Amino acid sequence: MTTDLSFDYRRLSVAQRLELVEDIWDSIDADANAEMLPLTGDERAMLDERIAELEANPGQGESWPDVRARILGKARQ
C-alpha cells in the first residue's frame, strides 16, 4: 500500500495536528481487531485495574469530551 503523504503536517496548527492524530487513531480502531493489536499480560492487567478503579469510583475523572476540549483550548492559546 502506497499512500501519498506529501503534505507537510508541521504547517498545521497544534489543534489541527491533534485532530489529525485523533482521526488516525479512530481509523486504526475501526480497522483493527484484537488479533492485530494484541495486549501483553502487563497491559491487560493495567487495563483491568483501571476498569476496576472506574467501576469503584464512577464519578472520578473527566469525560473524553471535557479532556479533549481542554487540550484543544490549550493548543489554541
N, C-alpha and C. Protein backbone atom coordinates (compact mmCIF):
# COMPACT_ATOMS: atom_id res chain seq x y z
N MET A 1 0.84 -1.17 0.00
CA MET A 1 0.00 0.00 0.00
C MET A 1 0.89 1.24 0.00
N THR A 2 0.68 2.08 -0.95
CA THR A 2 1.42 3.32 -1.02
C THR A 2 0.43 4.47 -0.90
N THR A 3 0.69 5.34 0.05
CA THR A 3 -0.16 6.49 0.27
C THR A 3 0.67 7.74 0.13
N ASP A 4 0.17 8.71 -0.61
CA ASP A 4 0.89 9.96 -0.79
C ASP A 4 0.68 10.84 0.43
N LEU A 5 1.68 10.95 1.26
CA LEU A 5 1.63 11.82 2.42
C LEU A 5 2.61 12.97 2.21
N SER A 6 2.51 13.60 1.06
CA SER A 6 3.47 14.63 0.72
C SER A 6 3.18 15.98 1.35
N PHE A 7 2.06 16.11 2.05
CA PHE A 7 1.79 17.39 2.70
C PHE A 7 2.65 17.52 3.96
N ASP A 8 2.95 18.74 4.32
CA ASP A 8 3.78 18.99 5.50
C ASP A 8 2.87 19.21 6.70
N TYR A 9 2.70 18.18 7.50
CA TYR A 9 1.82 18.27 8.67
C TYR A 9 2.29 19.34 9.65
N ARG A 10 3.55 19.69 9.61
CA ARG A 10 4.07 20.70 10.53
C ARG A 10 3.50 22.09 10.25
N ARG A 11 2.91 22.27 9.09
CA ARG A 11 2.27 23.55 8.77
C ARG A 11 0.89 23.67 9.40
N LEU A 12 0.37 22.58 9.90
CA LEU A 12 -0.92 22.61 10.58
C LEU A 12 -0.75 23.22 11.97
N SER A 13 -1.81 23.81 12.46
CA SER A 13 -1.76 24.31 13.84
C SER A 13 -1.71 23.12 14.79
N VAL A 14 -1.38 23.37 16.02
CA VAL A 14 -1.35 22.30 17.01
C VAL A 14 -2.74 21.66 17.11
N ALA A 15 -3.78 22.47 17.14
CA ALA A 15 -5.14 21.94 17.23
C ALA A 15 -5.46 21.06 16.02
N GLN A 16 -5.04 21.48 14.83
CA GLN A 16 -5.29 20.66 13.64
C GLN A 16 -4.50 19.36 13.68
N ARG A 17 -3.27 19.41 14.20
CA ARG A 17 -2.49 18.17 14.31
C ARG A 17 -3.10 17.22 15.32
N LEU A 18 -3.63 17.76 16.43
CA LEU A 18 -4.32 16.90 17.40
C LEU A 18 -5.54 16.24 16.77
N GLU A 19 -6.27 16.99 15.97
CA GLU A 19 -7.43 16.40 15.28
C GLU A 19 -6.99 15.33 14.28
N LEU A 20 -5.86 15.56 13.60
CA LEU A 20 -5.33 14.57 12.67
C LEU A 20 -4.96 13.28 13.40
N VAL A 21 -4.28 13.43 14.53
CA VAL A 21 -3.91 12.25 15.32
C VAL A 21 -5.16 11.51 15.78
N GLU A 22 -6.17 12.25 16.22
CA GLU A 22 -7.41 11.61 16.65
C GLU A 22 -8.06 10.86 15.49
N ASP A 23 -8.06 11.46 14.31
CA ASP A 23 -8.62 10.79 13.13
C ASP A 23 -7.85 9.52 12.80
N ILE A 24 -6.52 9.57 12.92
CA ILE A 24 -5.70 8.38 12.66
C ILE A 24 -6.03 7.28 13.66
N TRP A 25 -6.10 7.63 14.97
CA TRP A 25 -6.44 6.63 15.98
C TRP A 25 -7.83 6.04 15.72
N ASP A 26 -8.79 6.90 15.35
CA ASP A 26 -10.14 6.41 15.05
C ASP A 26 -10.13 5.43 13.88
N SER A 27 -9.30 5.72 12.87
CA SER A 27 -9.24 4.82 11.71
C SER A 27 -8.60 3.49 12.09
N ILE A 28 -7.62 3.52 12.98
CA ILE A 28 -7.00 2.28 13.46
C ILE A 28 -8.02 1.47 14.24
N ASP A 29 -8.76 2.14 15.11
CA ASP A 29 -9.79 1.47 15.90
C ASP A 29 -10.83 0.82 14.99
N ALA A 30 -11.22 1.52 13.94
CA ALA A 30 -12.24 1.00 13.04
C ALA A 30 -11.74 -0.20 12.23
N ASP A 31 -10.45 -0.20 11.89
CA ASP A 31 -9.91 -1.23 11.00
C ASP A 31 -9.25 -2.40 11.72
N ALA A 32 -8.83 -2.20 12.95
CA ALA A 32 -8.06 -3.22 13.66
C ALA A 32 -8.97 -4.15 14.44
N ASN A 33 -8.41 -5.26 14.82
CA ASN A 33 -9.10 -6.18 15.71
C ASN A 33 -8.11 -6.68 16.75
N ALA A 34 -8.58 -7.42 17.70
CA ALA A 34 -7.74 -7.86 18.82
C ALA A 34 -6.53 -8.68 18.36
N GLU A 35 -6.68 -9.44 17.28
CA GLU A 35 -5.56 -10.26 16.82
C GLU A 35 -4.45 -9.39 16.22
N MET A 36 -4.83 -8.26 15.64
CA MET A 36 -3.84 -7.39 15.00
C MET A 36 -3.07 -6.58 16.04
N LEU A 37 -3.72 -6.27 17.16
CA LEU A 37 -3.11 -5.44 18.20
C LEU A 37 -3.21 -6.14 19.56
N PRO A 38 -2.51 -7.24 19.72
CA PRO A 38 -2.63 -7.99 20.97
C PRO A 38 -2.03 -7.22 22.15
N LEU A 39 -2.61 -7.44 23.31
CA LEU A 39 -2.10 -6.84 24.55
C LEU A 39 -1.15 -7.81 25.23
N THR A 40 -0.16 -7.24 25.89
CA THR A 40 0.71 -8.08 26.72
C THR A 40 -0.04 -8.36 28.02
N GLY A 41 0.47 -9.28 28.81
CA GLY A 41 -0.13 -9.57 30.11
C GLY A 41 -0.14 -8.35 31.02
N ASP A 42 0.96 -7.58 30.98
CA ASP A 42 1.05 -6.36 31.80
C ASP A 42 0.03 -5.32 31.36
N GLU A 43 -0.13 -5.17 30.05
CA GLU A 43 -1.11 -4.20 29.55
C GLU A 43 -2.53 -4.60 29.95
N ARG A 44 -2.84 -5.89 29.82
CA ARG A 44 -4.17 -6.38 30.20
C ARG A 44 -4.40 -6.15 31.69
N ALA A 45 -3.40 -6.43 32.52
CA ALA A 45 -3.53 -6.23 33.97
C ALA A 45 -3.76 -4.76 34.30
N MET A 46 -3.04 -3.87 33.63
CA MET A 46 -3.21 -2.44 33.86
C MET A 46 -4.62 -2.00 33.47
N LEU A 47 -5.12 -2.46 32.33
CA LEU A 47 -6.47 -2.10 31.91
C LEU A 47 -7.51 -2.65 32.88
N ASP A 48 -7.33 -3.88 33.32
CA ASP A 48 -8.26 -4.48 34.29
C ASP A 48 -8.28 -3.67 35.58
N GLU A 49 -7.10 -3.22 36.02
CA GLU A 49 -7.01 -2.42 37.24
C GLU A 49 -7.73 -1.08 37.05
N ARG A 50 -7.53 -0.45 35.91
CA ARG A 50 -8.17 0.84 35.65
C ARG A 50 -9.69 0.69 35.54
N ILE A 51 -10.14 -0.38 34.93
CA ILE A 51 -11.59 -0.62 34.84
C ILE A 51 -12.17 -0.82 36.23
N ALA A 52 -11.47 -1.59 37.07
CA ALA A 52 -11.94 -1.82 38.44
C ALA A 52 -12.01 -0.50 39.21
N GLU A 53 -11.00 0.37 39.05
CA GLU A 53 -11.00 1.68 39.71
C GLU A 53 -12.17 2.53 39.23
N LEU A 54 -12.43 2.50 37.94
CA LEU A 54 -13.55 3.27 37.39
C LEU A 54 -14.88 2.77 37.93
N GLU A 55 -15.03 1.46 37.97
CA GLU A 55 -16.28 0.89 38.49
C GLU A 55 -16.46 1.19 39.97
N ALA A 56 -15.38 1.24 40.72
CA ALA A 56 -15.45 1.53 42.15
C ALA A 56 -15.72 3.02 42.42
N ASN A 57 -15.28 3.88 41.49
CA ASN A 57 -15.42 5.34 41.65
C ASN A 57 -15.90 5.96 40.34
N PRO A 58 -17.15 5.72 39.95
CA PRO A 58 -17.60 6.16 38.63
C PRO A 58 -17.62 7.68 38.43
N GLY A 59 -17.70 8.45 39.51
CA GLY A 59 -17.72 9.90 39.37
C GLY A 59 -16.35 10.53 39.28
N GLN A 60 -15.32 9.73 39.45
CA GLN A 60 -13.95 10.25 39.44
C GLN A 60 -13.47 10.39 38.00
N GLY A 61 -12.64 11.36 37.77
CA GLY A 61 -12.08 11.55 36.44
C GLY A 61 -12.91 12.50 35.60
N GLU A 62 -12.52 12.61 34.33
CA GLU A 62 -13.18 13.51 33.40
C GLU A 62 -13.62 12.75 32.16
N SER A 63 -14.64 13.25 31.53
CA SER A 63 -15.10 12.63 30.28
C SER A 63 -14.15 12.99 29.15
N TRP A 64 -14.13 12.14 28.12
CA TRP A 64 -13.28 12.42 26.96
C TRP A 64 -13.62 13.77 26.32
N PRO A 65 -14.90 14.13 26.12
CA PRO A 65 -15.18 15.44 25.53
C PRO A 65 -14.60 16.60 26.36
N ASP A 66 -14.65 16.50 27.69
CA ASP A 66 -14.09 17.55 28.53
C ASP A 66 -12.57 17.62 28.41
N VAL A 67 -11.92 16.47 28.41
CA VAL A 67 -10.45 16.42 28.28
C VAL A 67 -10.05 16.96 26.92
N ARG A 68 -10.73 16.52 25.88
CA ARG A 68 -10.41 16.96 24.51
C ARG A 68 -10.57 18.48 24.39
N ALA A 69 -11.66 19.02 24.92
CA ALA A 69 -11.89 20.46 24.86
C ALA A 69 -10.79 21.22 25.58
N ARG A 70 -10.36 20.71 26.73
CA ARG A 70 -9.29 21.36 27.49
C ARG A 70 -7.97 21.33 26.69
N ILE A 71 -7.67 20.18 26.09
CA ILE A 71 -6.43 20.05 25.32
C ILE A 71 -6.45 20.99 24.11
N LEU A 72 -7.56 20.97 23.38
CA LEU A 72 -7.65 21.83 22.21
C LEU A 72 -7.66 23.30 22.60
N GLY A 73 -8.27 23.63 23.74
CA GLY A 73 -8.25 25.00 24.21
C GLY A 73 -6.84 25.48 24.51
N LYS A 74 -6.04 24.63 25.14
CA LYS A 74 -4.65 24.98 25.44
C LYS A 74 -3.84 25.10 24.16
N ALA A 75 -4.15 24.26 23.18
CA ALA A 75 -3.40 24.27 21.91
C ALA A 75 -3.66 25.55 21.13
N ARG A 76 -4.82 26.14 21.31
CA ARG A 76 -5.17 27.35 20.56
C ARG A 76 -4.59 28.60 21.19
N GLN A 77 -4.08 28.49 22.41
CA GLN A 77 -3.53 29.68 23.10
C GLN A 77 -2.17 30.03 22.59
